[in-house]
Amino acid sequence: MTELNLTDEHVLVSSRGGLGRITLNRPRALNALSLDMIRTISGVLDDWRENTDVETIVIDSTDPRGLCAGGDVRALREAIIAGQMHEAAEFFRAEYAMNAAIAEYPKPIVAIANGITMGGGIGIAGHASHRIVTETSKLAMPETRIGFTPDVGGTWLLAHAPGRLGEYLGLTGTTMNASDAIATGFADYFVPFERVSSLIEALETRADPSTVTELILLFDETAEPSTLVAERGWIDDAFGRGSVAEIAERLNELSTDAEVGAHAAAALQLLTEMSPTSLAVTLASVRHARTLDGVRAVLAQEFNLADWLWAESNDMVEGIRAQLVDKDRNPHFLPATIAEVPADTGARALAHRATPPLWN
């Protein structure tokens, strides 16, 4: 086994039998991505791109609780508070470049999205060529809860989910299980967790002409039907409306329905807990992503939106405080309600261009 000389203890790297392995190892933070971790992963991917000794790459975690809970947003908040916006931008530039590299990688990347895989974790697993979930998988893009908007290329996945499930998932931050993730296009295969180690071993020792896909199918099992997809009727109805305010109004109307009332009421309650500004930006982002031509273009849009949010709103600083710092779960977002958000918020955010842009 070849070990690369890396200084980041939070990313373990090895290669054997044509298989390169990148294992996230920051259990105290559930593998929340730091800038050093992102740079290490990107450096390894660059090194292996032309390395003929590495044919396939696996990305997994030492922590059975999850692959990655997201980016290190606490550190990001501190940078923003300190007025060090260049540091915040540097983090996002590095992370988005890593996301693009995974999406465009010339070799198979097998991502094991076991357990909690959210936010920045979706940016790693969601763009891999072979995306595996297990019975413990919990996938989500919960950025509106912390006053931000789905990023890391996540709006590409949300935009291409069936019907209006992308709007629903992006706005509410609802967690998907393995079945939901496969049905919405966030994952490809269901492999029971107890078989994952055997799958990785098989990837190390496989003999040609077996392909990575053929090998994974030996371990793949049929996931249960997605309950999320089964609820598309009321979700498409409500989340296909023209604005967040109209979505909330329709959910309120549906909350009295004998069949779907409880679900609609729960979705409406979630919306009231999120940043109203983030909701408007996210709705615009997901819908405009449907007009773009790939992950790289979506990442550029997300970078512009992030830059706009930092300049126009304090909701991200406040949301991270409430959820992860003080943990009082009582953010004071401004504006405080969906009704108070200017109708042109989404359009103004989409029109913004960061300087310099993400891609030169």
Protein backbone atom coordinates (compact mmCIF):
# COMPACT_ATOMS: atom_id res chain seq x y z
CA MET A 1 0.00 0.00 0.00
CA THR A 2 1.35 3.43 -0.95
CA GLU A 3 0.97 6.24 1.59
CA LEU A 4 1.12 9.84 0.45
CA ASN A 5 3.03 12.22 2.68
CA LEU A 6 0.23 14.51 3.83
CA THR A 7 0.15 16.74 6.89
CA ASP A 8 -3.64 16.86 7.33
CA GLU A 9 -4.59 14.22 9.90
CA HIS A 10 -8.25 14.74 9.04
CA VAL A 11 -7.90 13.15 5.61
CA LEU A 12 -6.37 9.66 5.36
CA VAL A 13 -5.02 8.75 1.94
CA SER A 14 -3.82 5.40 0.60
CA SER A 15 -3.72 3.36 -2.57
CA ARG A 16 -3.67 -0.39 -3.18
CA GLY A 17 -4.43 -2.62 -6.13
CA GLY A 18 -5.42 0.23 -8.39
CA LEU A 19 -7.79 1.67 -5.78
CA GLY A 20 -7.10 5.07 -4.27
CA ARG A 21 -8.85 5.78 -1.02
CA ILE A 22 -9.66 9.16 0.55
CA THR A 23 -11.06 8.70 4.05
CA LEU A 24 -12.38 11.64 6.05
CA ASN A 25 -11.16 11.48 9.65
CA ARG A 26 -12.45 14.36 11.76
CA PRO A 27 -14.96 12.56 14.00
CA ARG A 28 -15.25 15.30 16.63
CA ALA A 29 -16.79 17.55 13.97
CA LEU A 30 -18.47 14.72 12.03
CA ASN A 31 -15.97 15.43 9.24
CA ALA A 32 -16.97 19.07 8.79
CA LEU A 33 -14.73 20.27 6.00
CA SER A 34 -11.96 22.71 6.87
CA LEU A 35 -9.96 24.58 4.25
CA ASP A 36 -6.99 22.29 4.91
CA MET A 37 -9.15 19.20 4.33
CA ILE A 38 -10.47 20.63 1.08
CA ARG A 39 -6.97 21.43 -0.12
CA THR A 40 -5.76 17.95 0.77
CA ILE A 41 -8.60 16.25 -1.09
CA SER A 42 -8.05 18.48 -4.12
CA GLY A 43 -4.32 17.81 -4.06
CA VAL A 44 -4.84 14.07 -3.95
CA LEU A 45 -7.32 14.18 -6.82
CA ASP A 46 -4.82 16.22 -8.85
CA ASP A 47 -2.05 13.74 -8.06
CA TRP A 48 -4.14 10.73 -9.04
CA ARG A 49 -5.60 12.25 -12.18
CA GLU A 50 -2.67 11.11 -14.35
CA ASN A 51 -1.36 8.38 -12.04
CA THR A 52 -1.73 5.08 -13.88
CA ASP A 53 -1.39 3.15 -10.59
CA VAL A 54 -4.78 4.50 -9.47
CA GLU A 55 -7.76 3.43 -11.57
CA THR A 56 -10.66 3.99 -9.18
CA ILE A 57 -11.15 6.21 -6.13
CA VAL A 58 -13.25 5.63 -3.03
CA ILE A 59 -14.26 8.46 -0.71
CA ASP A 60 -15.49 7.32 2.70
CA SER A 61 -15.28 8.06 6.42
CA THR A 62 -13.72 6.57 9.55
CA ASP A 63 -16.86 7.59 11.44
CA PRO A 64 -19.86 5.25 11.01
CA ARG A 65 -22.15 8.14 11.98
CA GLY A 66 -21.67 9.83 8.65
CA LEU A 67 -19.57 10.83 5.68
CA CYS A 68 -19.62 14.60 6.26
CA ALA A 69 -21.93 16.96 8.14
CA GLY A 70 -21.01 19.92 5.93
CA GLY A 71 -18.47 22.72 5.80
CA ASP A 72 -16.82 24.18 8.87
CA VAL A 73 -19.30 27.03 9.07
CA ARG A 74 -18.27 28.07 12.57
CA ALA A 75 -14.86 29.10 11.25
CA LEU A 76 -16.59 30.76 8.32
CA ARG A 77 -18.79 32.78 10.67
CA GLU A 78 -15.75 33.97 12.60
CA ALA A 79 -14.10 35.15 9.39
CA ILE A 80 -17.22 37.08 8.35
CA ILE A 81 -17.60 38.70 11.78
CA ALA A 82 -13.95 39.74 11.68
CA GLY A 83 -14.54 41.37 8.31
CA GLN A 84 -12.16 38.94 6.66
CA MET A 85 -14.33 38.36 3.64
CA HIS A 86 -11.34 37.34 1.56
CA GLU A 87 -10.94 34.31 3.85
CA ALA A 88 -14.59 33.36 3.42
CA ALA A 89 -14.27 33.72 -0.36
CA GLU A 90 -11.05 31.69 -0.33
CA PHE A 91 -12.83 28.84 1.45
CA PHE A 92 -15.67 28.77 -1.05
CA ARG A 93 -13.37 29.06 -4.05
CA ALA A 94 -11.37 26.07 -2.86
CA GLU A 95 -14.46 24.03 -1.99
CA TYR A 96 -16.24 24.75 -5.26
CA ALA A 97 -13.10 23.89 -7.25
CA MET A 98 -13.03 20.54 -5.42
CA ASN A 99 -16.72 19.97 -6.20
CA ALA A 100 -16.10 20.67 -9.90
CA ALA A 101 -13.07 18.36 -9.91
CA ILE A 102 -15.17 15.50 -8.51
CA ALA A 103 -17.98 16.12 -11.01
CA GLU A 104 -15.57 16.21 -13.97
CA TYR A 105 -13.09 13.57 -12.82
CA PRO A 106 -11.87 11.27 -15.60
CA LYS A 107 -11.77 8.17 -13.37
CA PRO A 108 -14.57 6.49 -11.40
CA ILE A 109 -15.15 7.96 -7.95
CA VAL A 110 -17.17 5.82 -5.56
CA ALA A 111 -18.61 7.89 -2.70
CA ILE A 112 -19.94 6.07 0.36
CA ALA A 113 -22.66 8.42 1.67
CA ASN A 114 -23.29 6.47 4.84
CA GLY A 115 -25.01 8.17 7.74
CA ILE A 116 -25.13 11.97 7.87
CA THR A 117 -24.19 13.49 4.51
CA MET A 118 -25.29 17.08 4.37
CA GLY A 119 -24.27 20.40 2.85
CA GLY A 120 -20.60 20.13 2.00
CA GLY A 121 -20.95 16.36 2.24
CA ILE A 122 -23.37 16.50 -0.69
CA GLY A 123 -20.72 18.47 -2.56
CA ILE A 124 -18.40 15.49 -2.22
CA ALA A 125 -20.79 12.56 -2.60
CA GLY A 126 -23.45 14.07 -4.84
CA HIS A 127 -21.14 14.66 -7.81
CA ALA A 128 -19.24 11.35 -7.72
CA SER A 129 -19.69 8.96 -10.63
CA HIS A 130 -20.92 6.16 -8.33
CA ARG A 131 -22.93 7.28 -5.29
CA ILE A 132 -23.72 4.69 -2.63
CA VAL A 133 -26.16 5.03 0.25
CA THR A 134 -26.89 2.65 3.11
CA GLU A 135 -29.72 2.01 5.55
CA THR A 136 -28.34 4.74 7.85
CA SER A 137 -27.95 7.43 5.19
CA LYS A 138 -29.38 10.87 5.97
CA LEU A 139 -28.90 13.34 3.13
CA ALA A 140 -29.97 16.98 3.17
CA MET A 141 -29.24 20.51 2.03
CA PRO A 142 -30.30 22.42 5.19
CA GLU A 143 -28.65 25.78 4.41
CA THR A 144 -31.81 27.91 4.69
CA ARG A 145 -31.86 27.09 8.40
CA ILE A 146 -28.53 28.89 8.91
CA GLY A 147 -29.38 31.87 6.72
CA PHE A 148 -27.58 30.60 3.65
CA THR A 149 -28.60 28.87 0.41
CA PRO A 150 -27.84 25.38 -0.97
CA ASP A 151 -24.45 25.42 -2.64
CA VAL A 152 -21.51 23.08 -3.47
CA GLY A 153 -23.35 22.30 -6.70
CA GLY A 154 -26.33 21.08 -4.72
CA THR A 155 -28.74 23.23 -6.67
CA TRP A 156 -27.81 21.23 -9.79
CA LEU A 157 -29.10 18.11 -8.04
CA LEU A 158 -32.14 19.89 -6.62
CA ALA A 159 -33.00 21.37 -10.01
CA HIS A 160 -33.07 17.93 -11.62
CA ALA A 161 -35.05 16.11 -8.94
CA PRO A 162 -38.50 14.95 -10.12
CA GLY A 163 -41.27 17.53 -10.21
CA ARG A 164 -40.96 20.17 -7.52
CA LEU A 165 -39.09 18.00 -5.05
CA GLY A 166 -36.02 20.17 -5.59
CA GLU A 167 -37.84 23.28 -4.39
CA TYR A 168 -39.27 21.34 -1.46
CA LEU A 169 -35.92 19.90 -0.36
CA GLY A 170 -34.03 23.13 -0.90
CA LEU A 171 -36.48 25.33 0.97
CA THR A 172 -37.34 23.04 3.89
CA GLY A 173 -33.98 21.27 4.29
CA THR A 174 -35.86 17.99 4.70
CA THR A 175 -33.68 14.94 5.30
CA MET A 176 -33.76 12.12 2.77
CA ASN A 177 -33.22 8.46 3.56
CA ALA A 178 -31.53 6.08 1.12
CA SER A 179 -34.69 5.44 -0.89
CA ASP A 180 -35.45 9.14 -1.19
CA ALA A 181 -31.87 9.94 -2.21
CA ILE A 182 -31.93 7.41 -5.03
CA ALA A 183 -35.39 8.47 -6.21
CA THR A 184 -34.44 12.16 -6.31
CA GLY A 185 -31.12 11.64 -8.10
CA PHE A 186 -28.80 12.27 -5.16
CA ALA A 187 -27.57 8.65 -5.11
CA ASP A 188 -27.34 5.61 -7.37
CA TYR A 189 -27.00 2.42 -5.33
CA PHE A 190 -28.19 0.96 -2.03
CA VAL A 191 -25.60 -1.20 -0.28
CA PRO A 192 -26.20 -2.38 3.32
CA PHE A 193 -23.55 -0.89 5.59
CA GLU A 194 -22.33 -4.29 6.71
CA ARG A 195 -21.36 -5.02 3.08
CA VAL A 196 -19.53 -1.76 2.38
CA SER A 197 -16.15 -3.02 3.60
CA SER A 198 -16.50 -6.08 1.37
CA LEU A 199 -17.32 -3.83 -1.57
CA ILE A 200 -14.21 -1.73 -0.98
CA GLU A 201 -12.11 -4.89 -0.71
CA ALA A 202 -13.59 -6.13 -3.98
CA LEU A 203 -12.73 -2.83 -5.66
CA GLU A 204 -9.11 -3.34 -4.56
CA THR A 205 -8.88 -6.89 -5.84
CA ARG A 206 -11.22 -6.89 -8.85
CA ALA A 207 -10.04 -8.50 -12.05
CA ASP A 208 -10.67 -7.12 -15.50
CA PRO A 209 -12.86 -6.93 -17.45
CA SER A 210 -15.25 -6.23 -14.57
CA THR A 211 -16.22 -2.57 -14.45
CA VAL A 212 -16.81 -0.59 -11.29
CA THR A 213 -20.52 -0.48 -12.06
CA GLU A 214 -20.74 -4.23 -12.58
CA LEU A 215 -18.92 -4.85 -9.34
CA ILE A 216 -21.11 -2.50 -7.31
CA LEU A 217 -24.20 -4.20 -8.72
CA LEU A 218 -23.06 -7.42 -7.03
CA PHE A 219 -23.56 -5.66 -3.69
CA ASP A 220 -26.47 -3.42 -4.65
CA GLU A 221 -29.89 -4.20 -3.22
CA THR A 222 -33.32 -2.82 -4.04
CA ALA A 223 -34.20 0.06 -1.77
CA GLU A 224 -37.67 0.44 -0.33
CA PRO A 225 -40.07 2.69 -2.28
CA SER A 226 -39.51 6.37 -1.57
CA THR A 227 -42.19 7.89 0.66
CA LEU A 228 -41.03 11.33 -0.51
CA VAL A 229 -41.83 10.55 -4.13
CA ALA A 230 -45.19 9.15 -3.04
CA GLU A 231 -46.04 12.60 -1.68
CA ARG A 232 -45.30 14.41 -4.92
CA GLY A 233 -48.95 15.32 -5.49
CA TRP A 234 -49.22 17.94 -2.75
CA ILE A 235 -45.53 18.88 -2.98
CA ASP A 236 -45.76 19.67 -6.70
CA ASP A 237 -48.99 21.55 -6.09
CA ALA A 238 -47.59 23.80 -3.36
CA PHE A 239 -43.93 24.13 -4.32
CA GLY A 240 -44.70 24.85 -7.96
CA ARG A 241 -46.17 28.24 -6.98
CA GLY A 242 -44.52 31.43 -8.16
CA SER A 243 -43.03 32.73 -4.91
CA VAL A 244 -42.23 31.63 -1.37
CA ALA A 245 -45.22 33.62 -0.13
CA GLU A 246 -47.52 31.79 -2.56
CA ILE A 247 -46.00 28.44 -1.56
CA ALA A 248 -46.68 29.23 2.09
CA GLU A 249 -50.23 30.32 1.27
CA ARG A 250 -50.93 27.09 -0.60
CA LEU A 251 -49.45 24.99 2.21
CA ASN A 252 -51.74 26.76 4.64
CA GLU A 253 -54.72 25.92 2.43
CA LEU A 254 -53.63 22.29 2.14
CA SER A 255 -53.12 21.99 5.90
CA THR A 256 -56.87 21.43 6.31
CA ASP A 257 -56.97 18.64 3.74
CA ALA A 258 -58.00 15.31 5.23
CA GLU A 259 -55.31 13.32 3.39
CA VAL A 260 -52.25 15.58 3.19
CA GLY A 261 -53.01 18.20 5.82
CA ALA A 262 -50.46 16.99 8.38
CA HIS A 263 -47.67 16.88 5.79
CA ALA A 264 -48.49 20.32 4.43
CA ALA A 265 -48.69 21.81 7.92
CA ALA A 266 -45.31 20.32 8.81
CA ALA A 267 -43.74 21.78 5.65
CA LEU A 268 -45.24 25.18 6.42
CA GLN A 269 -43.87 25.03 9.95
CA LEU A 270 -40.40 24.30 8.56
CA LEU A 271 -40.58 27.34 6.29
CA THR A 272 -41.39 29.59 9.24
CA GLU A 273 -38.18 28.42 10.94
CA MET A 274 -35.90 29.30 8.03
CA SER A 275 -34.33 32.58 6.97
CA PRO A 276 -36.96 34.35 4.84
CA THR A 277 -34.27 35.96 2.70
CA SER A 278 -32.56 32.60 2.18
CA LEU A 279 -35.86 31.07 1.13
CA ALA A 280 -36.34 33.67 -1.60
CA VAL A 281 -32.77 33.30 -2.86
CA THR A 282 -32.97 29.49 -2.78
CA LEU A 283 -36.20 29.34 -4.76
CA ALA A 284 -34.67 31.56 -7.45
CA SER A 285 -31.43 29.59 -7.40
CA VAL A 286 -33.00 26.17 -7.87
CA ARG A 287 -35.27 27.34 -10.66
CA HIS A 288 -32.55 29.21 -12.53
CA ALA A 289 -30.22 26.22 -12.18
CA ARG A 290 -32.58 24.33 -14.49
CA THR A 291 -31.53 26.68 -17.29
CA LEU A 292 -27.78 26.18 -16.78
CA ASP A 293 -25.60 23.69 -18.62
CA GLY A 294 -23.72 21.86 -15.88
CA VAL A 295 -22.28 21.72 -12.39
CA ARG A 296 -19.54 24.27 -13.11
CA ALA A 297 -22.09 26.86 -14.24
CA VAL A 298 -24.24 26.14 -11.19
CA LEU A 299 -21.25 26.58 -8.88
CA ALA A 300 -20.57 29.98 -10.44
CA GLN A 301 -24.18 30.97 -9.76
CA GLU A 302 -23.97 29.75 -6.18
CA PHE A 303 -20.77 31.72 -5.61
CA ASN A 304 -22.45 34.89 -6.83
CA LEU A 305 -25.41 34.25 -4.53
CA ALA A 306 -23.14 33.64 -1.55
CA ASP A 307 -21.33 36.91 -2.23
CA TRP A 308 -24.67 38.73 -2.43
CA LEU A 309 -25.91 37.23 0.82
CA TRP A 310 -22.77 38.23 2.73
CA ALA A 311 -23.15 41.79 1.50
CA GLU A 312 -26.92 42.14 1.91
CA SER A 313 -27.80 40.05 4.94
CA ASN A 314 -26.57 39.14 8.42
CA ASP A 315 -28.77 36.04 8.47
CA MET A 316 -25.89 33.60 7.95
CA VAL A 317 -23.96 34.93 10.95
CA GLU A 318 -27.14 34.84 13.03
CA GLY A 319 -28.26 31.42 11.79
CA ILE A 320 -24.92 29.76 12.55
CA ARG A 321 -24.95 31.38 16.00
CA ALA A 322 -28.40 30.03 16.80
CA GLN A 323 -27.83 26.53 15.46
CA LEU A 324 -24.17 25.78 16.16
CA VAL A 325 -22.64 28.34 18.54
CA ASP A 326 -25.14 29.30 21.25
CA LYS A 327 -27.48 26.49 20.14
CA ASP A 328 -30.57 28.32 21.37
CA ARG A 329 -32.35 27.45 18.09
CA ASN A 330 -33.87 30.94 18.15
CA PRO A 331 -32.39 32.94 15.28
CA HIS A 332 -33.43 36.55 14.78
CA PHE A 333 -33.54 36.80 11.02
CA LEU A 334 -34.14 40.11 9.24
CA PRO A 335 -36.60 40.39 7.62
CA ALA A 336 -38.29 38.16 10.16
CA THR A 337 -41.18 36.86 8.03
CA ILE A 338 -41.74 35.66 4.51
CA ALA A 339 -44.27 38.45 3.95
CA GLU A 340 -41.63 41.12 4.67
CA VAL A 341 -39.16 39.95 2.04
CA PRO A 342 -39.16 42.24 -1.03
CA ALA A 343 -40.66 40.51 -4.05
CA ASP A 344 -37.58 41.14 -6.18
CA THR A 345 -35.10 39.59 -3.72
CA GLY A 346 -34.45 36.46 -5.78
CA ALA A 347 -34.03 38.43 -9.01
CA ARG A 348 -31.63 40.90 -7.40
CA ALA A 349 -29.55 38.08 -5.97
CA LEU A 350 -29.35 36.30 -9.34
CA ALA A 351 -28.29 39.52 -11.04
CA HIS A 352 -25.33 40.00 -8.70
CA ARG A 353 -21.81 39.17 -9.90
CA ALA A 354 -18.94 38.55 -7.48
CA THR A 355 -15.64 40.31 -8.18
CA PRO A 356 -13.50 38.50 -9.08
CA PRO A 357 -15.77 35.75 -10.42
CA LEU A 358 -15.41 32.12 -9.31
CA TRP A 359 -14.01 31.01 -12.67
CA ASN A 360 -11.65 33.28 -14.53
